[in-house]
């Protein structure tokens, strides 16, 4: 079993000790604690998750200027990471996950990334109130609740910044998958307008991969995702043009709007921004399927966990290697003679 720390703004039923499918009131209220997740050796199968042990009740500040119990949970996360010589990883899941599924995915992702033996990870799952149900109406509900959860994620990031000040181990990393990109967008907007200063360079690497969000995240004047570069040494936007799940979402739900994780950002970042678009078109081994023949949780949308070459690439990035120095990556070289040529300003993984 793996001990996993969590933070959530899901509505908590104190009577039966479970977390629901809608945000708390207010939606930025946070509950913190731990669960135990069964180890899984197979990226296609998640382990089981124990009932939650809630010990942080949105009480980040305690009496007489001391830290509250919620801060103690974060300190415990850092302490376990330090004892294991592990990288603390804040993980944000996508759509269609209930609380237990989200925690299991976070823990098992670390199992699969650790399989190379090159890196240990200590996860903290931020689980926003996804319904854990497949379907277009449930998807729209998830979009709404995900956006409403941005301020809660922003509060958590601020709290992690304060907890990290007393942490002598590795600098934490950030990884958001699928609709976790949308949660990240709204968290960055909340951070940008908040009264507190941004926790500069809190994370070593921040990765937003297979992002189920619009492509305007770096487009002026709003550029809602750009503040993430202020809180991380490097930012990776992982894209895969053959992502069948994002193709279904674009076609069936989003009125053919392009998706960040398939098309990349509409505004290409400059390397000086420390934001890098990493294209996994050459690396993903799963063959794309035609729209209508796929499932919501199709393997090609989950390449960050189930493709060995992609996992190897992510382990290097999370280990602190600068994005352009990760082995097997090269800058795109456009070729007008090729119909589907590489794009300038992207790193390609081979």
Protein backbone atom coordinates (compact mmCIF):
# COMPACT_ATOMS: atom_id res chain seq x y z
CA UNK A 1 0.00 0.00 0.00
CA UNK A 2 1.09 3.55 -0.70
CA UNK A 3 0.24 6.37 1.69
CA UNK A 4 -1.15 9.28 -0.30
CA UNK A 5 -1.84 12.80 0.92
CA UNK A 6 -4.81 14.64 -0.54
CA UNK A 7 -6.47 18.03 -0.58
CA UNK A 8 -10.01 18.47 -1.86
CA UNK A 9 -12.79 21.00 -2.10
CA UNK A 10 -15.42 18.29 -2.57
CA UNK A 11 -18.46 18.45 -0.33
CA UNK A 12 -17.70 16.30 2.69
CA UNK A 13 -20.38 14.17 4.31
CA UNK A 14 -19.22 14.01 7.92
CA UNK A 15 -21.81 11.37 8.81
CA UNK A 16 -20.50 8.66 6.50
CA UNK A 17 -17.01 10.09 5.94
CA UNK A 18 -17.23 10.37 2.16
CA UNK A 19 -16.58 13.11 -0.39
CA UNK A 20 -19.20 13.97 -2.98
CA UNK A 21 -19.50 15.35 -6.49
CA UNK A 22 -20.11 19.07 -5.90
CA UNK A 23 -17.89 21.79 -4.43
CA UNK A 24 -17.99 22.84 -0.81
CA UNK A 25 -19.68 26.10 0.18
CA UNK A 26 -17.66 28.23 -0.27
CA UNK A 27 -16.01 26.31 -3.15
CA UNK A 28 -12.47 27.22 -2.06
CA UNK A 29 -12.83 25.41 1.29
CA UNK A 30 -10.24 22.64 1.59
CA UNK A 31 -10.12 19.34 3.45
CA UNK A 32 -6.74 17.63 3.78
CA UNK A 33 -5.72 14.18 4.91
CA UNK A 34 -4.43 10.81 3.76
CA UNK A 35 -5.63 7.62 2.12
CA UNK A 36 -3.94 4.31 1.38
CA UNK A 37 -3.76 3.21 -2.24
CA UNK A 38 -3.08 -0.32 -3.42
CA UNK A 39 0.05 -0.56 -5.55
CA UNK A 40 -0.63 -1.36 -9.21
CA UNK A 41 1.98 -2.81 -11.54
CA UNK A 42 -0.28 -2.42 -14.60
CA UNK A 43 -0.96 1.09 -15.96
CA UNK A 44 -4.33 -0.12 -17.28
CA UNK A 45 -5.54 -1.05 -13.79
CA UNK A 46 -5.83 1.27 -10.78
CA UNK A 47 -5.37 -0.04 -7.26
CA UNK A 48 -8.00 0.24 -4.54
CA UNK A 49 -8.29 3.28 -2.29
CA UNK A 50 -9.06 3.22 1.45
CA UNK A 51 -11.60 5.53 3.11
CA UNK A 52 -10.16 9.00 3.75
CA UNK A 53 -8.55 9.99 7.03
CA UNK A 54 -9.38 13.71 7.23
CA UNK A 55 -7.19 15.68 9.61
CA UNK A 56 -7.03 19.15 8.03
CA UNK A 57 -10.29 21.09 8.24
CA UNK A 58 -9.46 24.23 6.23
CA UNK A 59 -7.49 25.29 9.30
CA UNK A 60 -4.19 26.45 7.82
CA UNK A 61 -3.67 28.99 10.60
CA UNK A 62 -3.80 27.85 14.22
CA UNK A 63 -4.05 29.81 17.47
CA UNK A 64 -1.34 32.19 18.65
CA UNK A 65 0.23 32.41 15.20
CA UNK A 66 0.95 28.69 15.00
CA UNK A 67 0.23 26.49 12.00
CA UNK A 68 -3.12 24.76 11.93
CA UNK A 69 -3.85 21.10 11.26
CA UNK A 70 -4.14 21.60 7.49
CA UNK A 71 -0.60 22.98 7.41
CA UNK A 72 0.50 20.00 9.49
CA UNK A 73 -0.77 17.70 6.72
CA UNK A 74 1.37 19.55 4.18
CA UNK A 75 4.36 19.43 6.53
CA UNK A 76 3.79 15.68 6.86
CA UNK A 77 3.76 15.31 3.07
CA UNK A 78 7.10 17.09 2.82
CA UNK A 79 8.51 15.07 5.73
CA UNK A 80 7.62 11.74 4.09
CA UNK A 81 9.16 12.92 0.82
CA UNK A 82 12.35 13.94 2.60
CA UNK A 83 12.58 10.63 4.46
CA UNK A 84 12.17 8.70 1.20
CA UNK A 85 14.45 11.04 -0.79
CA UNK A 86 11.41 11.47 -3.02
CA UNK A 87 10.17 14.31 -5.18
CA UNK A 88 6.97 15.87 -3.76
CA UNK A 89 4.42 15.87 -6.61
CA UNK A 90 1.19 17.88 -6.63
CA UNK A 91 -1.16 16.06 -9.02
CA UNK A 92 -4.42 17.37 -10.51
CA UNK A 93 -6.68 14.85 -12.26
CA UNK A 94 -9.02 15.17 -15.23
CA UNK A 95 -12.75 14.59 -15.74
CA UNK A 96 -14.73 11.47 -14.83
CA UNK A 97 -13.12 10.62 -11.47
CA UNK A 98 -14.78 10.22 -8.12
CA UNK A 99 -12.70 10.83 -4.99
CA UNK A 100 -11.36 7.29 -4.64
CA UNK A 101 -10.57 6.98 -8.34
CA UNK A 102 -8.70 10.30 -8.33
CA UNK A 103 -6.56 9.29 -5.35
CA UNK A 104 -5.88 5.84 -6.81
CA UNK A 105 -4.80 7.39 -10.11
CA UNK A 106 -2.41 9.78 -8.34
CA UNK A 107 -0.80 7.02 -6.31
CA UNK A 108 -0.57 4.54 -9.14
CA UNK A 109 0.83 7.13 -11.55
CA UNK A 110 3.75 7.38 -9.15
CA UNK A 111 4.03 3.57 -9.09
CA UNK A 112 4.36 3.51 -12.87
CA UNK A 113 6.76 6.46 -13.09
CA UNK A 114 8.92 4.93 -10.35
CA UNK A 115 9.17 1.61 -12.22
CA UNK A 116 12.29 2.85 -14.03
CA UNK A 117 14.09 3.06 -10.69
CA UNK A 118 15.38 6.53 -11.56
CA UNK A 119 13.06 8.64 -9.41
CA UNK A 120 10.95 8.38 -6.28
CA UNK A 121 7.77 10.41 -6.03
CA UNK A 122 5.63 11.42 -3.06
CA UNK A 123 2.18 12.45 -4.32
CA UNK A 124 -0.31 14.98 -3.03
CA UNK A 125 -3.58 14.71 -4.97
CA UNK A 126 -5.73 17.78 -5.42
CA UNK A 127 -9.09 16.24 -6.22
CA UNK A 128 -11.77 18.64 -7.41
CA UNK A 129 -15.43 17.49 -7.46
CA UNK A 130 -15.66 15.54 -10.69
CA UNK A 131 -18.80 13.41 -10.96
CA UNK A 132 -16.94 10.25 -11.85
CA UNK A 133 -19.57 9.67 -14.56
CA UNK A 134 -19.09 9.39 -18.33
CA UNK A 135 -21.34 11.33 -20.72
CA UNK A 136 -21.75 14.78 -22.24
CA UNK A 137 -24.01 16.21 -19.51
CA UNK A 138 -21.69 14.90 -16.78
CA UNK A 139 -18.77 16.37 -18.74
CA UNK A 140 -20.39 19.81 -18.73
CA UNK A 141 -21.01 19.51 -14.98
CA UNK A 142 -17.35 18.62 -14.52
CA UNK A 143 -16.29 21.67 -16.55
CA UNK A 144 -18.35 23.95 -14.30
CA UNK A 145 -17.15 22.41 -11.04
CA UNK A 146 -13.57 22.32 -12.28
CA UNK A 147 -13.61 26.05 -13.04
CA UNK A 148 -15.19 26.79 -9.65
CA UNK A 149 -12.34 24.85 -8.02
CA UNK A 150 -9.60 27.12 -9.34
CA UNK A 151 -9.56 29.35 -6.22
CA UNK A 152 -9.29 26.25 -3.99
CA UNK A 153 -6.27 25.05 -5.96
CA UNK A 154 -4.79 28.55 -5.72
CA UNK A 155 -5.20 28.49 -1.92
CA UNK A 156 -3.52 25.10 -1.80
CA UNK A 157 -0.58 26.35 -3.88
CA UNK A 158 -0.12 29.30 -1.54
CA UNK A 159 -0.20 26.95 1.46
CA UNK A 160 2.33 24.62 -0.18
CA UNK A 161 4.57 27.63 -0.75
CA UNK A 162 4.49 28.41 2.97
CA UNK A 163 5.07 24.77 3.93
CA UNK A 164 7.95 24.49 1.46
CA UNK A 165 9.80 27.29 3.26
CA UNK A 166 10.70 24.81 6.01
CA UNK A 167 11.36 21.89 3.68
CA UNK A 168 14.99 20.88 3.21
CA UNK A 169 14.36 18.21 0.57
CA UNK A 170 13.66 18.37 -3.14
CA UNK A 171 11.67 21.21 -4.66
CA UNK A 172 8.13 19.97 -5.44
CA UNK A 173 6.77 19.42 -8.95
CA UNK A 174 3.32 19.92 -10.46
CA UNK A 175 1.46 17.69 -12.91
CA UNK A 176 -2.05 18.29 -14.27
CA UNK A 177 -3.74 15.97 -16.75
CA UNK A 178 -6.73 16.47 -19.07
CA UNK A 179 -9.34 18.74 -17.43
CA UNK A 180 -6.76 19.36 -14.72
CA UNK A 181 -5.50 21.94 -17.23
CA UNK A 182 -8.76 23.82 -16.78
CA UNK A 183 -8.40 23.71 -13.01
CA UNK A 184 -4.88 25.05 -13.47
CA UNK A 185 -6.10 27.88 -15.70
CA UNK A 186 -8.59 29.11 -13.11
CA UNK A 187 -6.11 28.64 -10.28
CA UNK A 188 -3.59 30.83 -12.10
CA UNK A 189 -6.25 33.49 -12.65
CA UNK A 190 -7.06 33.40 -8.93
CA UNK A 191 -3.37 33.68 -8.04
CA UNK A 192 -2.91 36.61 -10.43
CA UNK A 193 -5.68 38.71 -8.87
CA UNK A 194 -5.10 37.63 -5.27
CA UNK A 195 -3.76 39.89 -2.55
CA UNK A 196 -0.88 37.55 -1.69
CA UNK A 197 2.33 37.60 -3.68
CA UNK A 198 2.86 34.64 -5.99
CA UNK A 199 5.03 31.88 -4.48
CA UNK A 200 7.85 32.42 -6.98
CA UNK A 201 9.64 29.35 -8.34
CA UNK A 202 7.81 27.08 -5.90
CA UNK A 203 7.88 24.14 -8.31
CA UNK A 204 10.85 22.82 -10.22
CA UNK A 205 8.85 21.48 -13.17
CA UNK A 206 5.18 22.19 -13.86
CA UNK A 207 3.62 19.86 -16.44
CA UNK A 208 0.19 20.29 -18.02
CA UNK A 209 -0.33 17.30 -20.32
CA UNK A 210 -3.18 16.20 -22.62
CA UNK A 211 -4.89 19.42 -21.55
CA UNK A 212 -8.66 19.44 -21.99
CA UNK A 213 -8.94 23.20 -22.20
CA UNK A 214 -9.18 25.90 -24.84
CA UNK A 215 -6.06 26.92 -26.77
CA UNK A 216 -6.10 30.59 -25.68
CA UNK A 217 -4.24 29.91 -22.44
CA UNK A 218 -1.20 31.98 -23.48
CA UNK A 219 -2.98 34.46 -25.76
CA UNK A 220 -2.84 38.15 -24.73
CA UNK A 221 -4.28 40.12 -23.16
CA UNK A 222 -5.63 37.60 -20.64
CA UNK A 223 -3.13 34.75 -21.14
CA UNK A 224 -4.74 32.98 -18.15
CA UNK A 225 -2.15 30.22 -17.80
CA UNK A 226 0.93 32.44 -18.03
CA UNK A 227 1.31 33.02 -14.26
CA UNK A 228 2.34 29.38 -13.92
CA UNK A 229 5.75 30.41 -15.27
CA UNK A 230 6.16 32.62 -12.19
CA UNK A 231 5.72 29.73 -9.79
CA UNK A 232 7.88 27.13 -11.59
CA UNK A 233 11.40 26.93 -12.95
CA UNK A 234 10.08 25.35 -16.16
CA UNK A 235 6.64 24.72 -17.61
CA UNK A 236 5.82 21.88 -20.02
CA UNK A 237 2.64 21.82 -22.11
CA UNK A 238 2.45 18.22 -23.32
CA UNK A 239 0.50 17.70 -26.56
CA UNK A 240 -0.40 14.74 -28.76
CA UNK A 241 -2.22 15.54 -32.04
CA UNK A 242 -3.60 11.99 -32.19
CA UNK A 243 -5.41 12.22 -28.84
CA UNK A 244 -8.67 10.45 -29.68
CA UNK A 245 -10.48 11.49 -26.50
CA UNK A 246 -9.82 15.19 -27.13
CA UNK A 247 -10.99 14.67 -30.72
CA UNK A 248 -14.29 13.28 -29.44
CA UNK A 249 -14.68 16.17 -27.00
CA UNK A 250 -13.96 18.74 -29.71
CA UNK A 251 -16.36 17.10 -32.17
CA UNK A 252 -19.23 16.08 -29.90
CA UNK A 253 -19.17 18.51 -26.97
CA UNK A 254 -17.11 21.62 -27.72
CA UNK A 255 -18.54 22.55 -31.14
CA UNK A 256 -15.26 21.63 -32.87
CA UNK A 257 -13.19 24.02 -30.79
CA UNK A 258 -9.52 22.95 -30.74
CA UNK A 259 -8.20 21.51 -27.49
CA UNK A 260 -4.94 22.50 -25.82
CA UNK A 261 -3.63 18.94 -25.48
CA UNK A 262 -4.12 18.11 -29.16
CA UNK A 263 -3.50 21.39 -30.98
CA UNK A 264 -1.19 23.16 -28.56
CA UNK A 265 -1.52 26.78 -27.43
CA UNK A 266 -2.72 29.30 -30.00
CA UNK A 267 0.15 31.58 -29.02
CA UNK A 268 3.53 29.85 -29.22
CA UNK A 269 5.67 30.62 -26.15
CA UNK A 270 9.24 31.85 -26.46
CA UNK A 271 11.94 29.84 -24.62
CA UNK A 272 12.67 32.94 -22.56
CA UNK A 273 9.19 32.50 -21.09
CA UNK A 274 10.34 29.14 -19.65
CA UNK A 275 7.17 27.61 -21.13
CA UNK A 276 7.78 24.74 -23.55
CA UNK A 277 5.38 22.91 -25.85
CA UNK A 278 6.44 19.24 -25.95
CA UNK A 279 4.90 17.18 -28.77
CA UNK A 280 4.61 13.42 -28.21
CA UNK A 281 3.42 12.56 -31.76
CA UNK A 282 6.48 10.37 -32.40
CA UNK A 283 6.55 8.80 -28.96
CA UNK A 284 3.03 7.52 -28.34
CA UNK A 285 2.75 3.93 -29.50
CA UNK A 286 -1.05 3.62 -29.37
CA UNK A 287 -2.77 3.91 -32.74
CA UNK A 288 -5.45 6.62 -32.86
CA UNK A 289 -9.04 5.48 -33.39
CA UNK A 290 -11.71 7.14 -35.47
CA UNK A 291 -14.17 9.44 -33.72
CA UNK A 292 -17.10 7.40 -32.48
CA UNK A 293 -15.12 4.21 -31.92
CA UNK A 294 -13.21 5.34 -28.87
CA UNK A 295 -13.98 5.46 -25.16
CA UNK A 296 -13.73 8.55 -22.94
CA UNK A 297 -10.77 7.12 -21.10
CA UNK A 298 -9.09 5.90 -24.28
CA UNK A 299 -5.48 4.78 -24.04
CA UNK A 300 -4.21 7.59 -26.28
CA UNK A 301 -5.46 10.21 -23.83
CA UNK A 302 -3.64 8.42 -21.03
CA UNK A 303 -0.25 8.20 -22.75
CA UNK A 304 1.44 10.05 -19.92
CA UNK A 305 1.01 6.97 -17.76
CA UNK A 306 0.69 3.99 -20.11
CA UNK A 307 3.32 4.66 -22.78
CA UNK A 308 6.83 3.61 -21.64
CA UNK A 309 8.64 6.17 -23.81
CA UNK A 310 6.50 9.02 -22.52
CA UNK A 311 6.98 7.91 -18.92
CA UNK A 312 10.75 7.85 -19.45
CA UNK A 313 10.60 11.38 -20.86
CA UNK A 314 8.51 12.64 -17.94
CA UNK A 315 10.83 11.08 -15.37
CA UNK A 316 13.74 13.04 -16.83
CA UNK A 317 11.75 16.27 -16.82
CA UNK A 318 10.51 15.76 -13.26
CA UNK A 319 14.07 14.97 -12.16
CA UNK A 320 15.04 18.56 -12.89
CA UNK A 321 16.50 18.36 -16.40
CA UNK A 322 15.87 21.54 -18.40
CA UNK A 323 13.17 20.85 -21.02
CA UNK A 324 15.40 21.34 -24.06
CA UNK A 325 18.09 19.10 -22.52
CA UNK A 326 15.88 16.05 -21.89
CA UNK A 327 17.37 13.14 -23.85
CA UNK A 328 15.45 12.26 -27.01
CA UNK A 329 13.96 15.72 -27.58
CA UNK A 330 14.69 18.03 -30.51
CA UNK A 331 13.36 21.35 -31.68
CA UNK A 332 10.81 21.14 -34.49
CA UNK A 333 12.08 21.70 -38.03
CA UNK A 334 9.27 22.80 -40.37
CA UNK A 335 9.49 21.33 -43.87
CA UNK A 336 7.21 22.98 -46.48
CA UNK A 337 7.53 19.88 -48.65
CA UNK A 338 5.84 17.72 -46.02
CA UNK A 339 2.10 17.94 -45.49
CA UNK A 340 2.24 17.26 -41.72
CA UNK A 341 5.60 18.73 -40.86
CA UNK A 342 7.02 19.56 -37.47
CA UNK A 343 6.11 22.94 -36.03
CA UNK A 344 8.59 25.62 -35.06
CA UNK A 345 8.79 26.39 -31.36
CA UNK A 346 7.97 22.84 -30.23
CA UNK A 347 10.13 20.15 -28.73
CA UNK A 348 9.52 16.70 -30.23
CA UNK A 349 10.11 13.45 -28.35
CA UNK A 350 11.50 10.50 -30.32
